[in-house]
C-alpha cells in the first residue's frame, strides 16, 4: 500500500455543535485532540484515517463537511 505524500489528502471542516458537559473524559479528550475548544469552534484538517477515526467516535457532537484544497488553516 502506497503512502500518500503530505498535502495530498482532501480537507474537511469540523465544527463542534454540542456541549461537552456530561461527556466522558475520553470523548472530551478526543474533541481536544481535534483542536476544538468551545461550541461552534471550527478547524480544518486533512481527511486522514486518524482524523476520521476520531470523528467517528464523537460524530454525534460534530458537524463535518468537505472543503476544497484551496482553503488553509
PDB file of N, CA and C in Angstrom:
ATOM      1  N   UNK A   1       0.841  -1.178   0.000  1.00  0.00           N
ATOM      2  CA  UNK A   1       0.000   0.000   0.000  1.00  0.00           C
ATOM      3  C   UNK A   1       0.886   1.241   0.000  1.00  0.00           C
ATOM      4  N   UNK A   2       0.665   2.095  -0.947  1.00  0.00           N
ATOM      5  CA  UNK A   2       1.482   3.299  -1.082  1.00  0.00           C
ATOM      6  C   UNK A   2       1.051   4.345  -0.060  1.00  0.00           C
ATOM      7  N   UNK A   3       2.025   5.044   0.470  1.00  0.00           N
ATOM      8  CA  UNK A   3       1.763   6.110   1.428  1.00  0.00           C
ATOM      9  C   UNK A   3       1.613   7.411   0.667  1.00  0.00           C
ATOM     10  N   UNK A   4       0.555   8.169   0.965  1.00  0.00           N
ATOM     11  CA  UNK A   4       0.344   9.453   0.298  1.00  0.00           C
ATOM     12  C   UNK A   4       1.320  10.483   0.856  1.00  0.00           C
ATOM     13  N   UNK A   5       1.778  11.348   0.002  1.00  0.00           N
ATOM     14  CA  UNK A   5       2.648  12.417   0.441  1.00  0.00           C
ATOM     15  C   UNK A   5       1.824  13.489   1.148  1.00  0.00           C
ATOM     16  N   UNK A   6       2.488  14.240   1.997  1.00  0.00           N
ATOM     17  CA  UNK A   6       1.804  15.286   2.744  1.00  0.00           C
ATOM     18  C   UNK A   6       1.147  16.288   1.796  1.00  0.00           C
ATOM     19  N   UNK A   7      -0.085  16.638   2.103  1.00  0.00           N
ATOM     20  CA  UNK A   7      -0.802  17.611   1.298  1.00  0.00           C
ATOM     21  C   UNK A   7      -1.672  17.006   0.215  1.00  0.00           C
ATOM     22  N   UNK A   8      -1.655  15.690   0.058  1.00  0.00           N
ATOM     23  CA  UNK A   8      -2.467  15.056  -0.973  1.00  0.00           C
ATOM     24  C   UNK A   8      -3.853  14.664  -0.482  1.00  0.00           C
ATOM     25  N   UNK A   9      -4.117  14.835   0.776  1.00  0.00           N
ATOM     26  CA  UNK A   9      -5.416  14.476   1.332  1.00  0.00           C
ATOM     27  C   UNK A   9      -6.394  15.633   1.159  1.00  0.00           C
ATOM     28  N   UNK A  10      -7.674  15.330   0.897  1.00  0.00           N
ATOM     29  CA  UNK A  10      -8.666  16.414   0.851  1.00  0.00           C
ATOM     30  C   UNK A  10      -8.872  16.995   2.251  1.00  0.00           C
ATOM     31  N   UNK A  11      -9.385  18.194   2.301  1.00  0.00           N
ATOM     32  CA  UNK A  11      -9.603  18.888   3.583  1.00  0.00           C
ATOM     33  C   UNK A  11     -11.058  18.728   4.023  1.00  0.00           C
ATOM     34  N   UNK A  12     -11.260  18.691   5.345  1.00  0.00           N
ATOM     35  CA  UNK A  12     -12.600  18.675   5.913  1.00  0.00           C
ATOM     36  C   UNK A  12     -12.684  19.744   6.999  1.00  0.00           C
ATOM     37  N   UNK A  13     -13.859  20.355   7.112  1.00  0.00           N
ATOM     38  CA  UNK A  13     -14.107  21.343   8.159  1.00  0.00           C
ATOM     39  C   UNK A  13     -14.905  20.649   9.256  1.00  0.00           C
ATOM     40  N   UNK A  14     -14.412  20.740  10.490  1.00  0.00           N
ATOM     41  CA  UNK A  14     -15.039  20.088  11.636  1.00  0.00           C
ATOM     42  C   UNK A  14     -15.514  21.171  12.586  1.00  0.00           C
ATOM     43  N   UNK A  15     -16.782  21.091  12.997  1.00  0.00           N
ATOM     44  CA  UNK A  15     -17.378  22.088  13.884  1.00  0.00           C
ATOM     45  C   UNK A  15     -18.013  21.380  15.072  1.00  0.00           C
ATOM     46  N   UNK A  16     -17.736  21.864  16.276  1.00  0.00           N
ATOM     47  CA  UNK A  16     -18.340  21.325  17.491  1.00  0.00           C
ATOM     48  C   UNK A  16     -19.707  21.969  17.678  1.00  0.00           C
ATOM     49  N   UNK A  17     -20.776  21.167  17.665  1.00  0.00           N
ATOM     50  CA  UNK A  17     -22.127  21.724  17.725  1.00  0.00           C
ATOM     51  C   UNK A  17     -22.864  21.366  19.012  1.00  0.00           C
ATOM     52  N   UNK A  18     -22.328  20.471  19.819  1.00  0.00           N
ATOM     53  CA  UNK A  18     -22.968  20.122  21.082  1.00  0.00           C
ATOM     54  C   UNK A  18     -21.986  20.293  22.225  1.00  0.00           C
ATOM     55  N   UNK A  19     -22.519  20.489  23.424  1.00  0.00           N
ATOM     56  CA  UNK A  19     -21.716  20.738  24.610  1.00  0.00           C
ATOM     57  C   UNK A  19     -20.974  19.487  25.067  1.00  0.00           C
ATOM     58  N   UNK A  20     -19.856  19.714  25.749  1.00  0.00           N
ATOM     59  CA  UNK A  20     -19.085  18.617  26.330  1.00  0.00           C
ATOM     60  C   UNK A  20     -19.478  18.324  27.771  1.00  0.00           C
ATOM     61  N   UNK A  21     -20.415  19.088  28.304  1.00  0.00           N
ATOM     62  CA  UNK A  21     -20.846  18.880  29.684  1.00  0.00           C
ATOM     63  C   UNK A  21     -21.500  17.510  29.807  1.00  0.00           C
ATOM     64  N   UNK A  22     -21.044  16.731  30.754  1.00  0.00           N
ATOM     65  CA  UNK A  22     -21.607  15.411  30.990  1.00  0.00           C
ATOM     66  C   UNK A  22     -21.027  14.321  30.105  1.00  0.00           C
ATOM     67  N   UNK A  23     -20.076  14.647  29.237  1.00  0.00           N
ATOM     68  CA  UNK A  23     -19.452  13.655  28.365  1.00  0.00           C
ATOM     69  C   UNK A  23     -18.283  12.994  29.098  1.00  0.00           C
ATOM     70  N   UNK A  24     -17.917  11.813  28.646  1.00  0.00           N
ATOM     71  CA  UNK A  24     -16.830  11.086  29.300  1.00  0.00           C
ATOM     72  C   UNK A  24     -15.497  11.794  29.044  1.00  0.00           C
ATOM     73  N   UNK A  25     -14.518  11.461  29.873  1.00  0.00           N
ATOM     74  CA  UNK A  25     -13.190  12.059  29.719  1.00  0.00           C
ATOM     75  C   UNK A  25     -12.581  11.704  28.365  1.00  0.00           C
ATOM     76  N   UNK A  26     -12.833  10.503  27.882  1.00  0.00           N
ATOM     77  CA  UNK A  26     -12.293  10.080  26.586  1.00  0.00           C
ATOM     78  C   UNK A  26     -12.897  10.906  25.450  1.00  0.00           C
ATOM     79  N   UNK A  27     -14.196  11.171  25.526  1.00  0.00           N
ATOM     80  CA  UNK A  27     -14.845  11.969  24.494  1.00  0.00           C
ATOM     81  C   UNK A  27     -14.312  13.407  24.531  1.00  0.00           C
ATOM     82  N   UNK A  28     -14.155  13.945  25.716  1.00  0.00           N
ATOM     83  CA  UNK A  28     -13.618  15.303  25.835  1.00  0.00           C
ATOM     84  C   UNK A  28     -12.186  15.369  25.313  1.00  0.00           C
ATOM     85  N   UNK A  29     -11.383  14.349  25.581  1.00  0.00           N
ATOM     86  CA  UNK A  29     -10.005  14.320  25.105  1.00  0.00           C
ATOM     87  C   UNK A  29      -9.960  14.218  23.580  1.00  0.00           C
ATOM     88  N   UNK A  30     -10.886  13.491  22.993  1.00  0.00           N
ATOM     89  CA  UNK A  30     -10.937  13.368  21.542  1.00  0.00           C
ATOM     90  C   UNK A  30     -11.275  14.710  20.897  1.00  0.00           C
ATOM     91  N   UNK A  31     -12.210  15.438  21.492  1.00  0.00           N
ATOM     92  CA  UNK A  31     -12.562  16.771  20.980  1.00  0.00           C
ATOM     93  C   UNK A  31     -11.352  17.689  21.059  1.00  0.00           C
ATOM     94  N   UNK A  32     -10.641  17.664  22.174  1.00  0.00           N
ATOM     95  CA  UNK A  32      -9.445  18.495  22.332  1.00  0.00           C
ATOM     96  C   UNK A  32      -8.360  18.084  21.339  1.00  0.00           C
ATOM     97  N   UNK A  33      -8.251  16.781  21.094  1.00  0.00           N
ATOM     98  CA  UNK A  33      -7.265  16.275  20.146  1.00  0.00           C
ATOM     99  C   UNK A  33      -7.515  16.750  18.728  1.00  0.00           C
ATOM    100  N   UNK A  34      -8.763  16.975  18.401  1.00  0.00           N
ATOM    101  CA  UNK A  34      -9.104  17.525  17.089  1.00  0.00           C
ATOM    102  C   UNK A  34      -8.813  19.019  17.012  1.00  0.00           C
ATOM    103  N   UNK A  35      -8.604  19.665  18.164  1.00  0.00           N
ATOM    104  CA  UNK A  35      -8.302  21.094  18.185  1.00  0.00           C
ATOM    105  C   UNK A  35      -9.509  21.962  18.446  1.00  0.00           C
ATOM    106  N   UNK A  36     -10.614  21.359  18.891  1.00  0.00           N
ATOM    107  CA  UNK A  36     -11.832  22.114  19.175  1.00  0.00           C
ATOM    108  C   UNK A  36     -11.883  22.469  20.654  1.00  0.00           C
ATOM    109  N   UNK A  37     -12.391  23.655  20.962  1.00  0.00           N
ATOM    110  CA  UNK A  37     -12.427  24.093  22.352  1.00  0.00           C
ATOM    111  C   UNK A  37     -13.840  24.402  22.836  1.00  0.00           C
ATOM    112  N   UNK A  38     -14.539  25.280  22.139  1.00  0.00           N
ATOM    113  CA  UNK A  38     -15.866  25.720  22.559  1.00  0.00           C
ATOM    114  C   UNK A  38     -16.904  25.300  21.530  1.00  0.00           C
ATOM    115  N   UNK A  39     -18.179  25.403  21.914  1.00  0.00           N
ATOM    116  CA  UNK A  39     -19.249  25.156  20.958  1.00  0.00           C
ATOM    117  C   UNK A  39     -19.114  26.159  19.813  1.00  0.00           C
ATOM    118  N   UNK A  40     -19.358  25.697  18.613  1.00  0.00           N
ATOM    119  CA  UNK A  40     -19.260  26.459  17.366  1.00  0.00           C
ATOM    120  C   UNK A  40     -17.824  26.761  16.943  1.00  0.00           C
ATOM    121  N   UNK A  41     -16.830  26.213  17.639  1.00  0.00           N
ATOM    122  CA  UNK A  41     -15.461  26.374  17.151  1.00  0.00           C
ATOM    123  C   UNK A  41     -15.256  25.434  15.966  1.00  0.00           C
ATOM    124  N   UNK A  42     -14.408  25.861  15.031  1.00  0.00           N
ATOM    125  CA  UNK A  42     -14.189  25.108  13.796  1.00  0.00           C
ATOM    126  C   UNK A  42     -12.707  24.938  13.543  1.00  0.00           C
ATOM    127  N   UNK A  43     -12.352  23.821  12.926  1.00  0.00           N
ATOM    128  CA  UNK A  43     -10.992  23.586  12.471  1.00  0.00           C
ATOM    129  C   UNK A  43     -11.052  22.947  11.094  1.00  0.00           C
ATOM    130  N   UNK A  44     -10.014  23.121  10.337  1.00  0.00           N
ATOM    131  CA  UNK A  44      -9.893  22.455   9.041  1.00  0.00           C
ATOM    132  C   UNK A  44      -8.732  21.482   9.160  1.00  0.00           C
ATOM    133  N   UNK A  45      -8.992  20.236   8.868  1.00  0.00           N
ATOM    134  CA  UNK A  45      -7.997  19.168   8.973  1.00  0.00           C
ATOM    135  C   UNK A  45      -7.968  18.375   7.677  1.00  0.00           C
ATOM    136  N   UNK A  46      -6.873  17.647   7.471  1.00  0.00           N
ATOM    137  CA  UNK A  46      -6.803  16.734   6.339  1.00  0.00           C
ATOM    138  C   UNK A  46      -7.671  15.516   6.624  1.00  0.00           C
ATOM    139  N   UNK A  47      -8.231  14.951   5.587  1.00  0.00           N
ATOM    140  CA  UNK A  47      -9.111  13.786   5.715  1.00  0.00           C
ATOM    141  C   UNK A  47      -8.246  12.524   5.781  1.00  0.00           C
ATOM    142  N   UNK A  48      -7.543  12.377   6.886  1.00  0.00           N
ATOM    143  CA  UNK A  48      -6.645  11.249   7.104  1.00  0.00           C
ATOM    144  C   UNK A  48      -7.344  10.180   7.938  1.00  0.00           C
ATOM    145  N   UNK A  49      -6.892   8.949   7.880  1.00  0.00           N
ATOM    146  CA  UNK A  49      -7.535   7.873   8.641  1.00  0.00           C
ATOM    147  C   UNK A  49      -7.576   8.138  10.145  1.00  0.00           C
ATOM    148  N   UNK A  50      -6.539   8.761  10.690  1.00  0.00           N
ATOM    149  CA  UNK A  50      -6.506   9.049  12.129  1.00  0.00           C
ATOM    150  C   UNK A  50      -7.610  10.031  12.512  1.00  0.00           C
ATOM    151  N   UNK A  51      -7.765  11.070  11.706  1.00  0.00           N
ATOM    152  CA  UNK A  51      -8.777  12.092  11.969  1.00  0.00           C
ATOM    153  C   UNK A  51     -10.170  11.507  11.793  1.00  0.00           C
ATOM    154  N   UNK A  52     -10.370  10.698  10.748  1.00  0.00           N
ATOM    155  CA  UNK A  52     -11.680  10.087  10.513  1.00  0.00           C
ATOM    156  C   UNK A  52     -12.075   9.154  11.657  1.00  0.00           C
ATOM    157  N   UNK A  53     -11.111   8.465  12.243  1.00  0.00           N
ATOM    158  CA  UNK A  53     -11.392   7.610  13.390  1.00  0.00           C
ATOM    159  C   UNK A  53     -11.828   8.418  14.604  1.00  0.00           C
ATOM    160  N   UNK A  54     -11.186   9.552  14.830  1.00  0.00           N
ATOM    161  CA  UNK A  54     -11.573  10.428  15.943  1.00  0.00           C
ATOM    162  C   UNK A  54     -12.982  10.975  15.722  1.00  0.00           C
ATOM    163  N   UNK A  55     -13.266  11.371  14.486  1.00  0.00           N
ATOM    164  CA  UNK A  55     -14.595  11.895  14.160  1.00  0.00           C
ATOM    165  C   UNK A  55     -15.654  10.827  14.377  1.00  0.00           C
ATOM    166  N   UNK A  56     -15.370   9.608  13.982  1.00  0.00           N
ATOM    167  CA  UNK A  56     -16.330   8.510  14.108  1.00  0.00           C
ATOM    168  C   UNK A  56     -16.694   8.250  15.575  1.00  0.00           C
ATOM    169  N   UNK A  57     -15.749   8.448  16.478  1.00  0.00           N
ATOM    170  CA  UNK A  57     -16.002   8.209  17.898  1.00  0.00           C
ATOM    171  C   UNK A  57     -16.947   9.238  18.512  1.00  0.00           C
ATOM    172  N   UNK A  58     -16.942  10.457  17.987  1.00  0.00           N
ATOM    173  CA  UNK A  58     -17.760  11.527  18.580  1.00  0.00           C
ATOM    174  C   UNK A  58     -18.604  12.224  17.524  1.00  0.00           C
ATOM    175  N   UNK A  59     -19.061  11.489  16.522  1.00  0.00           N
ATOM    176  CA  UNK A  59     -19.793  12.097  15.413  1.00  0.00           C
ATOM    177  C   UNK A  59     -21.094  12.775  15.835  1.00  0.00           C
ATOM    178  N   UNK A  60     -21.680  12.367  16.943  1.00  0.00           N
ATOM    179  CA  UNK A  60     -22.931  12.967  17.420  1.00  0.00           C
ATOM    180  C   UNK A  60     -22.716  14.356  18.012  1.00  0.00           C
ATOM    181  N   UNK A  61     -21.471  14.755  18.240  1.00  0.00           N
ATOM    182  CA  UNK A  61     -21.157  16.080  18.776  1.00  0.00           C
ATOM    183  C   UNK A  61     -20.720  17.058  17.681  1.00  0.00           C
ATOM    184  N   UNK A  62     -20.483  16.541  16.474  1.00  0.00           N
ATOM    185  CA  UNK A  62     -19.823  17.319  15.436  1.00  0.00           C
ATOM    186  C   UNK A  62     -20.689  17.530  14.207  1.00  0.00           C
ATOM    187  N   UNK A  63     -20.290  18.515  13.435  1.00  0.00           N
ATOM    188  CA  UNK A  63     -20.801  18.720  12.079  1.00  0.00           C
ATOM    189  C   UNK A  63     -19.566  18.737  11.184  1.00  0.00           C
ATOM    190  N   UNK A  64     -19.566  17.888  10.155  1.00  0.00           N
ATOM    191  CA  UNK A  64     -18.392  17.731   9.302  1.00  0.00           C
ATOM    192  C   UNK A  64     -18.790  17.980   7.859  1.00  0.00           C
ATOM    193  N   UNK A  65     -17.967  18.748   7.160  1.00  0.00           N
ATOM    194  CA  UNK A  65     -18.199  18.957   5.726  1.00  0.00           C
ATOM    195  C   UNK A  65     -16.857  19.027   5.008  1.00  0.00           C
ATOM    196  N   UNK A  66     -16.849  18.562   3.773  1.00  0.00           N
ATOM    197  CA  UNK A  66     -15.637  18.578   2.979  1.00  0.00           C
ATOM    198  C   UNK A  66     -15.485  19.943   2.325  1.00  0.00           C
ATOM    199  N   UNK A  67     -14.262  20.433   2.291  1.00  0.00           N
ATOM    200  CA  UNK A  67     -13.975  21.728   1.682  1.00  0.00           C
ATOM    201  C   UNK A  67     -12.928  21.531   0.584  1.00  0.00           C
ATOM    202  N   UNK A  68     -12.767  22.546  -0.256  1.00  0.00           N
ATOM    203  CA  UNK A  68     -11.764  22.486  -1.306  1.00  0.00           C
ATOM    204  C   UNK A  68     -10.363  22.567  -0.724  1.00  0.00           C
ATOM    205  N   UNK A  69      -9.371  22.154  -1.493  1.00  0.00           N
ATOM    206  CA  UNK A  69      -7.984  22.183  -1.039  1.00  0.00           C
ATOM    207  C   UNK A  69      -7.385  23.579  -1.034  1.00  0.00           C
ATOM    208  N   UNK A  70      -8.087  24.565  -1.601  1.00  0.00           N
ATOM    209  CA  UNK A  70      -7.542  25.905  -1.679  1.00  0.00           C
ATOM    210  C   UNK A  70      -7.629  26.656  -0.357  1.00  0.00           C
ATOM    211  N   UNK A  71      -8.446  26.198   0.589  1.00  0.00           N
ATOM    212  CA  UNK A  71      -8.532  26.862   1.895  1.00  0.00           C
ATOM    213  C   UNK A  71      -7.407  26.387   2.773  1.00  0.00           C
ATOM    214  N   UNK A  72      -6.884  27.275   3.587  1.00  0.00           N
ATOM    215  CA  UNK A  72      -5.819  26.904   4.517  1.00  0.00           C
ATOM    216  C   UNK A  72      -6.312  27.098   5.931  1.00  0.00           C
ATOM    217  N   UNK A  73      -5.547  26.602   6.855  1.00  0.00           N
ATOM    218  CA  UNK A  73      -5.943  26.622   8.257  1.00  0.00           C
ATOM    219  C   UNK A  73      -5.709  27.930   8.828  1.00  0.00           C
TER     220      UNK A  73
END
